[in-house]
Every structure is written in C-alpha cells, then in structure tokens.
C-alpha cells in the first residue's frame, strides 16, 4: 500500500476489506455517535436559534440561498467524520501477511527386503519380491520428512541405500532388487538386522544422539522364511535394536498351509517354524508381526504401519503486521480543521455558540 495518506482510496470498500482490525468493537462507536447527532438534532430542532437566508429571490440568487442553507450541515458532518476517523484509528486497522512453515523431525526408517530365491514364488502376483517391491515404493511415496534407507539380504546382507530424504534414489534402488542380486543362498535375518542397526545407530558416522535429540527409528523387515544363514542370531540382533530404541516390524510374505488373516502377533494362530523367528524379533523389538498372503494384505500392512509411525508436525506462523492508524488520525485532523474553519464562516451558527 504505497498510496499517500491524503488519497481518497483509504475510504474505499476494497481497502476496508483488506484490513484486519485489532479492536473491531470500537467501530460500533461510530454508530453511537451517529445516533447522538440525530438525537441532538431532533431535541434542539424547535428551540434552535439561527439566521436563515431567504430563498425567495428565485433564479440564481434563490439557488445560492439554498446552497448556503444546506451548507450549514457541513460543520456537524465534518465533526462527525473527524470523530469517526479517530475511532477507526483506535480500532487499529492492520494488514497482516501470514506465512506458515510446517516442520517435522521425521523418522529414520530402514527397509530390509529378502531377495532370496524363495521370493520368486508366485502366490503373490507376479511374485513375492515384485509385490513387496511395488508396495514398498508406494510406502516411500507416502512419507514426508523421513529419512529412508534400504538393506537387501539373502545368504548375506548388504546396505544398498543410506538414510536419505531423496525418495527418487530410494525408489531407484527398490526397482533394482532381484533374486540374482546376492548370489549366496539362504536367509540371513540376523545379519540384515545388524546392517539396519548400523545405519540407524550412527547414520553419519558420529556418536549416537542423546535421548533429548534422538529421532524415532524403525526397521521394516520383509521375508518369507526362517533364518538359515548369516553369523548373527536374529534374537540377539533384536535385543541390540531394542537397546538403541529401534522398533522392528516384521512381515511374513507368502502363503503357508492356508491363507491367514492380517493380524498382529498377539492373535496369530497359524504360526510355524518358518515365521517363528519373525514373530520373536518383532516382539523383542517392540513392534508387530504381520502376515501377508496376497497383494491386498501386503498393501494394508504398509498402510497400517504408515498410520502408526507418524512424526509430530510443528507449524510455525510468521506474521508481518503493518498498522495504518496514522492515516486515519491525519484525516481526523483534517476534518476537525475543516469544522473549525466553517465555524468562522456563514455556515457556522454563531447564535448557538
């Protein structure tokens, strides 16, 4: 708003709609003063002493007399406008430009995905690995402000992607997962957990953060079999994760003897040796065990984890406030000066002073 204070645009409807008033109730005082002026006129109409100009001359003289008689309303109108501008100034007209910033500390997540030969089974379409990879990509797309890493394992475990917020990079590594990625046969769940813990414990090679600054950390491990390879016991790795406040979610991918429902560990009734280790490490790691026997269940599992693991969002609001009460104080002075000048002219009523 670069207009000078004396511009009439300050009284336009569009300008008033752009204002936010700090004390809007003061504006009702304008109506109060309008009523006072009206009551005063009614009460003093008959007893009012004034000199009137005859307008019976006709022609130009008669018109001039009418204008002069009507001009006597200019002085009270100027007083009223001046008082109104003072009240507007007291109401503090402001223009507030607001900017919001959403901040979230985020969560550190490592996806550990089994790429052993058994993940080529087609009970999930087109096969277990492709179904898991596809749903993991959707999970990555739904996260915000979280750092995500990727570990692939079969008979050995490898960290493919460090913790990053570059989700395009994570999706690229996910797309490259295949059964031939790791030649060693077997399923090294313990080693995979160790790789995840190593990423989450000191992701930048620095000392572990204190409890006051530690971010939420979790591992999502997908596999279809028991631990058959590797050098580290999965339960020991799970206890190590718990010591570092890392939660573990495990998902058993594929059908067993019969299709089972998507349920957490506490209500699963069709457990076998194949999924026993997954259930145990989820329990130790303060997470949950799930079983996915088809694509839809796998998608629902990731959706449930997505809802459970949300970082709190803090919103910061920045306000740039500009006050314009001075403009209306200047206008009030102008109207009061006009009223004083009119008082010394034929438009003033000297008989009432």
Protein backbone atom coordinates (compact mmCIF):
# COMPACT_ATOMS: atom_id res chain seq x y z
CA UNK A 1 0.00 0.00 0.00
CA UNK A 2 2.05 2.87 -1.32
CA UNK A 3 -0.71 5.47 -1.62
CA UNK A 4 -0.18 8.77 0.27
CA UNK A 5 -2.30 9.31 3.38
CA UNK A 6 -4.37 12.02 1.67
CA UNK A 7 -5.54 9.68 -1.08
CA UNK A 8 -9.33 9.03 -1.01
CA UNK A 9 -8.62 5.34 -1.66
CA UNK A 10 -8.31 4.87 2.13
CA UNK A 11 -12.10 5.15 2.31
CA UNK A 12 -12.84 2.67 -0.47
CA UNK A 13 -14.68 -0.58 0.25
CA UNK A 14 -11.89 -2.66 -1.26
CA UNK A 15 -9.33 -1.12 1.08
CA UNK A 16 -11.52 -1.70 4.12
CA UNK A 17 -11.98 -5.34 3.16
CA UNK A 18 -8.20 -5.78 3.21
CA UNK A 19 -7.96 -4.56 6.81
CA UNK A 20 -7.97 -6.64 9.96
CA UNK A 21 -8.94 -4.59 13.00
CA UNK A 22 -7.19 -5.20 16.29
CA UNK A 23 -10.24 -4.00 18.24
CA UNK A 24 -13.27 -4.21 15.98
CA UNK A 25 -15.74 -3.33 18.75
CA UNK A 26 -14.53 0.30 18.74
CA UNK A 27 -16.06 0.70 15.29
CA UNK A 28 -19.54 0.39 16.81
CA UNK A 29 -18.82 3.74 18.44
CA UNK A 30 -19.34 5.34 15.01
CA UNK A 31 -22.96 4.21 15.07
CA UNK A 32 -23.27 5.53 18.61
CA UNK A 33 -22.06 8.98 17.63
CA UNK A 34 -24.36 8.98 14.59
CA UNK A 35 -27.32 8.35 16.90
CA UNK A 36 -26.17 11.13 19.25
CA UNK A 37 -26.04 13.63 16.38
CA UNK A 38 -29.51 12.53 15.28
CA UNK A 39 -30.97 12.79 18.79
CA UNK A 40 -29.40 16.21 19.27
CA UNK A 41 -30.95 17.46 16.05
CA UNK A 42 -34.40 16.18 17.00
CA UNK A 43 -34.30 17.63 20.52
CA UNK A 44 -32.99 21.04 19.50
CA UNK A 45 -34.85 21.45 16.23
CA UNK A 46 -37.61 23.72 17.64
CA UNK A 47 -35.54 25.72 20.13
CA UNK A 48 -32.63 26.20 17.78
CA UNK A 49 -31.70 29.84 17.10
CA UNK A 50 -30.35 30.53 13.68
CA UNK A 51 -30.25 33.14 10.95
CA UNK A 52 -31.89 31.91 7.81
CA UNK A 53 -31.37 33.26 4.34
CA UNK A 54 -34.39 33.89 2.21
CA UNK A 55 -34.51 31.85 -0.94
CA UNK A 56 -37.45 33.64 -2.37
CA UNK A 57 -35.43 35.64 -4.84
CA UNK A 58 -35.71 33.00 -7.49
CA UNK A 59 -33.19 32.27 -10.17
CA UNK A 60 -29.51 32.22 -9.31
CA UNK A 61 -29.97 34.06 -6.02
CA UNK A 62 -32.53 31.55 -4.82
CA UNK A 63 -30.26 28.65 -5.72
CA UNK A 64 -27.36 30.28 -3.89
CA UNK A 65 -29.51 30.76 -0.80
CA UNK A 66 -30.50 27.08 -0.85
CA UNK A 67 -26.88 26.04 -1.13
CA UNK A 68 -25.89 28.28 1.78
CA UNK A 69 -28.70 26.90 3.98
CA UNK A 70 -27.70 23.34 3.07
CA UNK A 71 -24.04 24.17 3.70
CA UNK A 72 -24.78 24.66 7.37
CA UNK A 73 -24.75 20.85 7.68
CA UNK A 74 -21.11 20.73 6.61
CA UNK A 75 -19.75 21.68 10.04
CA UNK A 76 -21.52 18.93 12.06
CA UNK A 77 -20.71 16.49 9.25
CA UNK A 78 -17.02 17.42 9.49
CA UNK A 79 -17.11 16.89 13.27
CA UNK A 80 -18.75 13.51 12.78
CA UNK A 81 -16.21 12.43 10.14
CA UNK A 82 -13.34 13.55 12.36
CA UNK A 83 -14.66 11.59 15.35
CA UNK A 84 -15.24 8.57 13.09
CA UNK A 85 -11.66 8.67 11.86
CA UNK A 86 -10.42 8.82 15.45
CA UNK A 87 -12.46 5.70 16.27
CA UNK A 88 -11.13 3.93 13.18
CA UNK A 89 -7.61 4.74 14.32
CA UNK A 90 -8.38 3.37 17.80
CA UNK A 91 -9.63 0.16 16.19
CA UNK A 92 -6.10 -0.29 14.74
CA UNK A 93 -6.60 -1.13 11.05
CA UNK A 94 -3.88 -3.58 10.02
CA UNK A 95 -2.75 -5.57 7.03
CA UNK A 96 -1.31 -8.92 8.16
CA UNK A 97 0.71 -11.04 5.78
CA UNK A 98 0.98 -14.53 7.19
CA UNK A 99 3.43 -17.28 6.30
CA UNK A 100 3.28 -20.82 7.68
CA UNK A 101 6.05 -23.36 7.84
CA UNK A 102 5.39 -26.98 8.72
CA UNK A 103 8.33 -28.58 10.45
CA UNK A 104 8.70 -32.23 11.38
CA UNK A 105 11.71 -34.01 12.87
CA UNK A 106 10.86 -37.04 10.71
CA UNK A 107 11.52 -40.71 11.36
CA UNK A 108 14.52 -42.82 10.36
CA UNK A 109 13.30 -45.94 8.55
CA UNK A 110 15.28 -48.81 7.07
CA UNK A 111 13.52 -51.27 4.77
CA UNK A 112 15.08 -54.75 4.89
CA UNK A 113 13.84 -56.88 1.98
CA UNK A 114 14.52 -60.56 1.39
CA UNK A 115 15.78 -61.22 -2.16
CA UNK A 116 16.43 -64.97 -1.74
CA UNK A 117 15.29 -67.46 -4.39
CA UNK A 118 12.11 -68.32 -2.47
CA UNK A 119 10.87 -64.76 -3.05
CA UNK A 120 10.29 -65.78 -6.68
CA UNK A 121 7.20 -67.80 -5.65
CA UNK A 122 4.06 -66.63 -7.45
CA UNK A 123 1.47 -66.87 -4.64
CA UNK A 124 1.66 -63.06 -4.73
CA UNK A 125 1.39 -61.60 -8.22
CA UNK A 126 3.56 -61.52 -10.23
CA UNK A 127 5.84 -62.90 -7.46
CA UNK A 128 6.61 -62.20 -3.81
CA UNK A 129 9.59 -59.92 -4.43
CA UNK A 130 7.93 -57.78 -7.10
CA UNK A 131 4.79 -57.41 -4.96
CA UNK A 132 6.87 -56.41 -1.93
CA UNK A 133 8.95 -54.01 -4.03
CA UNK A 134 5.86 -52.36 -5.53
CA UNK A 135 4.16 -51.80 -2.18
CA UNK A 136 7.41 -50.56 -0.63
CA UNK A 137 7.63 -47.92 -3.37
CA UNK A 138 4.11 -46.73 -2.51
CA UNK A 139 5.09 -46.60 1.16
CA UNK A 140 8.09 -44.41 0.32
CA UNK A 141 5.86 -42.08 -1.72
CA UNK A 142 3.55 -41.57 1.28
CA UNK A 143 6.29 -40.49 3.68
CA UNK A 144 7.27 -36.87 4.31
CA UNK A 145 10.39 -35.53 6.01
CA UNK A 146 11.51 -39.08 6.87
CA UNK A 147 14.93 -40.50 6.08
CA UNK A 148 14.66 -43.90 4.45
CA UNK A 149 17.38 -46.49 3.83
CA UNK A 150 17.39 -49.89 2.15
CA UNK A 151 19.00 -53.22 3.06
CA UNK A 152 18.78 -56.31 0.83
CA UNK A 153 19.54 -59.78 2.14
CA UNK A 154 19.62 -63.41 1.16
CA UNK A 155 22.52 -65.61 2.40
CA UNK A 156 24.30 -62.30 3.09
CA UNK A 157 23.08 -58.80 3.86
CA UNK A 158 24.11 -55.61 2.10
CA UNK A 159 23.21 -51.97 2.73
CA UNK A 160 22.15 -50.65 -0.66
CA UNK A 161 20.95 -47.14 0.20
CA UNK A 162 21.92 -44.95 3.16
CA UNK A 163 19.36 -42.96 5.09
CA UNK A 164 18.16 -40.21 2.81
CA UNK A 165 15.22 -37.96 2.03
CA UNK A 166 15.92 -38.39 -1.68
CA UNK A 167 12.95 -40.68 -2.29
CA UNK A 168 13.69 -40.91 -6.01
CA UNK A 169 17.03 -42.54 -5.11
CA UNK A 170 15.30 -44.99 -2.75
CA UNK A 171 12.80 -45.93 -5.45
CA UNK A 172 15.64 -46.45 -7.90
CA UNK A 173 17.33 -48.94 -5.57
CA UNK A 174 14.00 -50.68 -4.93
CA UNK A 175 13.47 -51.10 -8.68
CA UNK A 176 16.84 -52.85 -8.95
CA UNK A 177 16.02 -55.57 -6.39
CA UNK A 178 16.02 -59.07 -7.91
CA UNK A 179 16.81 -62.68 -6.96
CA UNK A 180 20.24 -62.52 -8.61
CA UNK A 181 21.39 -59.50 -6.62
CA UNK A 182 23.00 -61.62 -3.86
CA UNK A 183 24.44 -64.97 -5.05
CA UNK A 184 24.74 -66.51 -1.56
CA UNK A 185 21.76 -68.76 -0.83
CA UNK A 186 19.77 -68.79 2.39
CA UNK A 187 18.12 -66.14 4.56
CA UNK A 188 20.38 -64.17 6.90
CA UNK A 189 17.80 -62.31 9.01
CA UNK A 190 20.21 -61.65 11.88
CA UNK A 191 22.81 -60.11 9.58
CA UNK A 192 20.12 -57.99 7.89
CA UNK A 193 19.04 -56.61 11.26
CA UNK A 194 22.66 -55.85 12.11
CA UNK A 195 23.01 -53.83 8.89
CA UNK A 196 19.84 -51.90 9.72
CA UNK A 197 21.02 -51.17 13.27
CA UNK A 198 24.36 -49.96 11.96
CA UNK A 199 22.59 -47.49 9.68
CA UNK A 200 20.18 -46.27 12.35
CA UNK A 201 22.64 -46.16 15.24
CA UNK A 202 25.27 -43.91 13.67
CA UNK A 203 23.95 -42.99 10.20
CA UNK A 204 26.53 -40.23 9.75
CA UNK A 205 29.45 -41.96 11.44
CA UNK A 206 29.00 -39.78 14.52
CA UNK A 207 28.33 -40.65 18.12
CA UNK A 208 24.79 -41.75 18.94
CA UNK A 209 22.48 -38.84 19.82
CA UNK A 210 21.26 -38.23 23.33
CA UNK A 211 17.74 -39.11 24.41
CA UNK A 212 16.67 -35.45 24.17
CA UNK A 213 17.51 -35.25 20.47
CA UNK A 214 17.03 -38.86 19.38
CA UNK A 215 14.61 -39.30 16.49
CA UNK A 216 12.23 -42.24 16.15
CA UNK A 217 13.88 -45.18 14.39
CA UNK A 218 12.34 -48.32 12.97
CA UNK A 219 13.08 -51.32 10.81
CA UNK A 220 10.54 -52.88 8.45
CA UNK A 221 11.73 -56.37 7.55
CA UNK A 222 10.07 -58.44 4.81
CA UNK A 223 10.92 -62.13 4.44
CA UNK A 224 9.27 -65.44 3.62
CA UNK A 225 11.36 -67.86 5.62
CA UNK A 226 13.26 -68.66 8.79
CA UNK A 227 16.84 -67.68 9.50
CA UNK A 228 19.08 -70.17 7.63
CA UNK A 229 22.31 -68.24 7.09
CA UNK A 230 24.48 -65.48 8.49
CA UNK A 231 26.73 -65.13 11.52
CA UNK A 232 24.43 -63.25 13.92
CA UNK A 233 21.49 -64.69 15.82
CA UNK A 234 18.29 -62.76 14.97
CA UNK A 235 17.14 -62.60 18.60
CA UNK A 236 20.48 -61.14 19.69
CA UNK A 237 20.21 -58.56 16.91
CA UNK A 238 16.66 -57.72 18.03
CA UNK A 239 17.85 -57.15 21.61
CA UNK A 240 20.59 -54.89 20.31
CA UNK A 241 17.95 -52.91 18.36
CA UNK A 242 15.85 -52.56 21.50
CA UNK A 243 18.87 -51.23 23.38
CA UNK A 244 19.09 -48.45 20.80
CA UNK A 245 15.32 -47.77 20.90
CA UNK A 246 14.78 -49.14 17.39
CA UNK A 247 11.36 -50.65 16.75
CA UNK A 248 11.06 -53.65 14.47
CA UNK A 249 8.11 -54.50 12.24
CA UNK A 250 8.29 -57.88 10.51
CA UNK A 251 6.14 -59.04 7.60
CA UNK A 252 5.95 -62.67 6.54
CA UNK A 253 5.33 -62.63 2.79
CA UNK A 254 3.50 -65.53 1.12
CA UNK A 255 1.01 -68.27 1.91
CA UNK A 256 1.61 -71.03 4.41
CA UNK A 257 -0.60 -74.14 4.68
CA UNK A 258 -3.73 -71.99 4.40
CA UNK A 259 -4.38 -68.33 3.93
CA UNK A 260 -4.34 -66.38 7.16
CA UNK A 261 -5.74 -63.05 8.08
CA UNK A 262 -3.72 -59.88 8.54
CA UNK A 263 -3.30 -59.85 12.29
CA UNK A 264 -0.68 -58.70 14.74
CA UNK A 265 1.48 -61.13 16.63
CA UNK A 266 -0.79 -61.41 19.67
CA UNK A 267 -3.69 -63.04 17.76
CA UNK A 268 -1.86 -65.11 15.14
CA UNK A 269 -2.93 -68.75 15.46
CA UNK A 270 -1.25 -70.41 12.47
CA UNK A 271 2.38 -69.84 13.31
CA UNK A 272 5.05 -72.22 12.09
CA UNK A 273 8.81 -72.54 12.29
CA UNK A 274 9.02 -70.52 9.08
CA UNK A 275 7.62 -67.37 10.71
CA UNK A 276 8.53 -68.04 14.35
CA UNK A 277 11.73 -66.03 14.21
CA UNK A 278 9.93 -63.09 12.59
CA UNK A 279 7.36 -63.07 15.36
CA UNK A 280 10.02 -63.27 18.05
CA UNK A 281 12.17 -60.40 16.82
CA UNK A 282 9.08 -58.21 16.35
CA UNK A 283 8.09 -58.88 19.95
CA UNK A 284 11.59 -58.16 21.26
CA UNK A 285 11.83 -55.04 19.09
CA UNK A 286 8.57 -53.55 20.50
CA UNK A 287 6.96 -53.71 17.07
CA UNK A 288 4.43 -56.01 15.43
CA UNK A 289 4.44 -59.10 13.28
CA UNK A 290 2.15 -59.29 10.23
CA UNK A 291 1.43 -61.93 7.67
CA UNK A 292 0.63 -61.05 4.05
CA UNK A 293 -0.84 -63.82 1.92
CA UNK A 294 -1.83 -61.63 -1.03
CA UNK A 295 -1.15 -58.25 -2.57
CA UNK A 296 -4.09 -56.55 -0.88
CA UNK A 297 -3.00 -57.65 2.60
CA UNK A 298 0.56 -56.53 1.95
CA UNK A 299 -0.74 -53.12 0.90
CA UNK A 300 -2.90 -52.86 4.03
CA UNK A 301 0.05 -53.78 6.25
CA UNK A 302 2.17 -50.94 4.86
CA UNK A 303 -0.82 -48.63 5.17
CA UNK A 304 -1.22 -49.57 8.82
CA UNK A 305 2.47 -49.02 9.56
CA UNK A 306 2.27 -45.71 7.70
CA UNK A 307 -0.50 -44.59 10.06
CA UNK A 308 1.19 -45.88 13.21
CA UNK A 309 4.54 -44.23 12.52
CA UNK A 310 3.85 -40.53 12.07
CA UNK A 311 6.24 -37.87 13.28
CA UNK A 312 4.61 -34.88 15.01
CA UNK A 313 4.35 -31.79 12.83
CA UNK A 314 5.04 -28.36 14.32
CA UNK A 315 3.66 -25.36 12.49
CA UNK A 316 5.43 -22.03 12.74
CA UNK A 317 3.45 -18.96 11.80
CA UNK A 318 5.24 -15.79 10.74
CA UNK A 319 3.19 -12.59 10.63
CA UNK A 320 4.20 -9.34 9.00
CA UNK A 321 1.91 -6.70 10.54
CA UNK A 322 1.51 -3.19 9.09
CA UNK A 323 -0.52 -0.62 11.03
CA UNK A 324 -2.39 2.16 9.25
CA UNK A 325 -3.99 4.02 12.18
CA UNK A 326 -1.84 7.11 11.50
CA UNK A 327 -3.55 7.62 8.14
CA UNK A 328 -6.94 7.99 9.82
CA UNK A 329 -5.54 10.23 12.55
CA UNK A 330 -4.29 12.57 9.81
CA UNK A 331 -7.73 12.53 8.21
CA UNK A 332 -9.35 13.24 11.61
CA UNK A 333 -7.18 16.34 11.99
CA UNK A 334 -8.19 17.47 8.50
CA UNK A 335 -11.91 17.12 9.25
CA UNK A 336 -11.60 18.89 12.63
CA UNK A 337 -9.74 21.78 10.98
CA UNK A 338 -12.44 22.00 8.29
CA UNK A 339 -15.08 22.17 11.03
CA UNK A 340 -13.20 24.98 12.80
CA UNK A 341 -12.85 26.92 9.55
CA UNK A 342 -16.55 26.52 8.76
CA UNK A 343 -17.38 27.86 12.22
CA UNK A 344 -15.88 31.20 11.23
CA UNK A 345 -17.91 31.43 8.03
CA UNK A 346 -21.56 31.93 7.18
CA UNK A 347 -22.01 28.17 7.56
CA UNK A 348 -21.48 28.40 11.33
CA UNK A 349 -24.30 29.19 13.73
CA UNK A 350 -22.97 32.00 15.95
CA UNK A 351 -26.30 32.25 17.82
CA UNK A 352 -25.69 28.82 19.36
CA UNK A 353 -22.09 29.44 20.49
